[in-house]
Protein backbone atom coordinates (compact mmCIF):
# COMPACT_ATOMS: atom_id res chain seq x y z
CA MET A 1 0.07 0.11 0.23
CA VAL A 2 1.35 3.32 -1.08
CA ALA A 3 1.11 6.20 0.93
CA SER A 4 0.90 10.17 0.49
CA CYS A 5 2.36 12.20 3.58
CA GLY A 6 3.14 15.48 1.58
CA ALA A 7 4.84 14.03 -0.86
CA ALA A 8 4.58 9.58 -2.26
CA GLU A 9 6.53 7.76 -0.26
CA GLN A 10 6.98 3.89 -0.36
CA LEU A 11 6.27 2.51 3.33
CA ASN A 12 8.86 1.76 5.44
CA GLY A 13 10.65 -1.53 5.28
CA ASP A 14 10.80 -2.00 8.94
CA ARG A 15 7.46 -4.55 8.92
CA ARG A 16 7.15 -4.51 12.89
CA ARG A 17 7.00 -0.85 12.96
CA TYR A 18 4.49 -0.66 10.47
CA ARG A 19 2.51 -3.61 12.01
CA SER A 20 2.72 -2.25 15.13
CA GLN A 21 1.11 0.85 13.95
CA VAL A 22 -1.42 -1.00 12.57
CA LEU A 23 -2.55 -2.02 15.35
CA ILE A 24 -2.14 0.61 16.94
CA ASN A 25 -4.48 2.24 14.23
CA ARG A 26 -7.22 -0.81 14.82
CA LEU A 27 -7.08 -0.33 18.26
CA THR A 28 -7.10 3.59 18.27
CA ARG A 29 -10.00 3.91 15.52
CA THR A 30 -7.43 6.49 13.45
CA LYS A 31 -5.89 6.79 10.28
CA LYS A 32 -2.24 6.90 10.72
CA VAL A 33 0.49 5.54 8.15
CA ALA A 34 3.90 4.28 8.43
CA THR A 35 5.80 6.22 5.70
CA ARG A 36 9.85 5.65 5.18
CA ASN A 37 10.40 8.48 7.06
CA ASN A 38 8.05 9.03 9.76
CA ILE A 39 4.84 7.90 10.93
CA CYS A 40 2.03 10.80 9.23
CA SER A 41 -1.66 11.61 10.00
CA LEU A 42 -3.52 11.59 6.56
CA PRO A 43 -7.57 12.98 6.52
CA VAL A 44 -10.35 10.20 5.69
CA ALA A 45 -10.43 11.18 2.43
CA ASP A 46 -6.81 10.72 1.94
CA LEU A 47 -7.07 7.02 2.71
CA PRO A 48 -9.72 4.27 0.25
CA GLU A 49 -12.65 3.27 2.14
CA LEU A 50 -12.21 0.08 3.46
CA SER A 51 -15.75 -0.42 4.79
CA LEU A 52 -16.59 -3.10 1.79
CA THR A 53 -13.18 -5.28 2.33
CA GLU A 54 -13.98 -4.95 5.78
CA MET A 55 -17.57 -6.62 5.43
CA GLY A 56 -16.60 -8.96 2.85
CA ARG A 57 -13.88 -10.41 5.66
CA GLN A 58 -16.40 -10.57 8.45
CA VAL A 59 -18.35 -12.68 6.23
CA ALA A 60 -16.13 -14.69 5.69
CA VAL A 61 -14.91 -15.52 8.91
CA VAL A 62 -18.43 -16.20 9.76
CA LEU A 63 -18.88 -18.81 6.95
CA TYR A 64 -15.57 -20.16 8.22
CA VAL A 65 -16.82 -20.53 11.93
CA VAL A 66 -20.05 -21.73 10.43
CA ALA A 67 -18.40 -24.60 8.51
CA MET A 68 -16.20 -25.87 11.41
CA ALA A 69 -19.45 -26.11 13.86
CA ALA A 70 -21.01 -28.19 10.82
CA VAL A 71 -17.83 -30.29 10.78
CA ILE A 72 -18.46 -30.66 14.14
CA VAL A 73 -21.98 -31.80 14.23
CA GLY A 74 -21.42 -34.03 11.51
CA VAL A 75 -18.28 -35.72 12.84
CA ASP A 76 -20.41 -36.27 16.70
CA PHE A 77 -23.67 -37.76 14.68
CA VAL A 78 -21.87 -40.26 12.29
CA PHE A 79 -19.12 -41.21 14.68
CA PHE A 80 -19.92 -40.42 18.29
CA ARG A 81 -23.42 -40.31 19.09
CA ASN A 82 -23.22 -41.89 22.57
CA ARG A 83 -19.28 -41.41 23.31
CA PHE A 84 -18.90 -38.11 26.01
CA TRP A 85 -15.58 -38.16 26.46
CA GLU A 86 -14.37 -39.47 22.86
CA ARG A 87 -16.73 -36.85 21.26
CA LEU A 88 -15.16 -34.03 23.62
CA THR A 89 -11.70 -34.98 22.45
CA VAL A 90 -12.48 -35.44 18.62
CA ASN A 91 -14.16 -31.62 18.76
CA ILE A 92 -11.56 -30.40 20.80
CA GLY A 93 -9.03 -31.49 17.88
CA ILE A 94 -11.24 -30.19 14.88
CA VAL A 95 -11.72 -26.88 16.97
CA LEU A 96 -7.62 -27.03 17.29
CA VAL A 97 -7.14 -27.29 13.39
CA PHE A 98 -9.67 -25.02 12.03
CA ALA A 99 -7.99 -22.07 14.32
CA ALA A 100 -4.24 -23.38 13.08
CA PHE A 101 -5.59 -23.38 9.32
CA TYR A 102 -7.02 -20.13 10.44
CA LEU A 103 -3.48 -18.56 11.72
CA ARG A 104 -1.89 -19.75 8.73
CA PHE A 105 -3.80 -19.09 5.92
CA LEU A 106 -6.87 -17.18 6.63
CA ARG A 107 -5.03 -14.12 9.06
CA ARG A 108 -4.13 -10.60 7.71
CA PRO A 109 -0.44 -10.64 7.20
């Protein structure tokens, strides 16, 4: 993402600084962008509106959770109908597999 703070500059190569600024932006709900020389505040009009992208992301996460619930319920009914401890163990395993897949492939970079 390229942002302008006076003159057009590339974002800083220091990913840690940029990611920490993105986290601060999310927590404080501000629009700041890390640039090569500094972190500058930009007016809201200078940044593209991301509401549609954010909404699409939320829909994807909801569908992911619904798919996980469907897998858990399906496995429970098919294989572990009257076995409590086995069902609990398998359900925890399914949740851990879904969480690992989400953190590895679907989380924001």
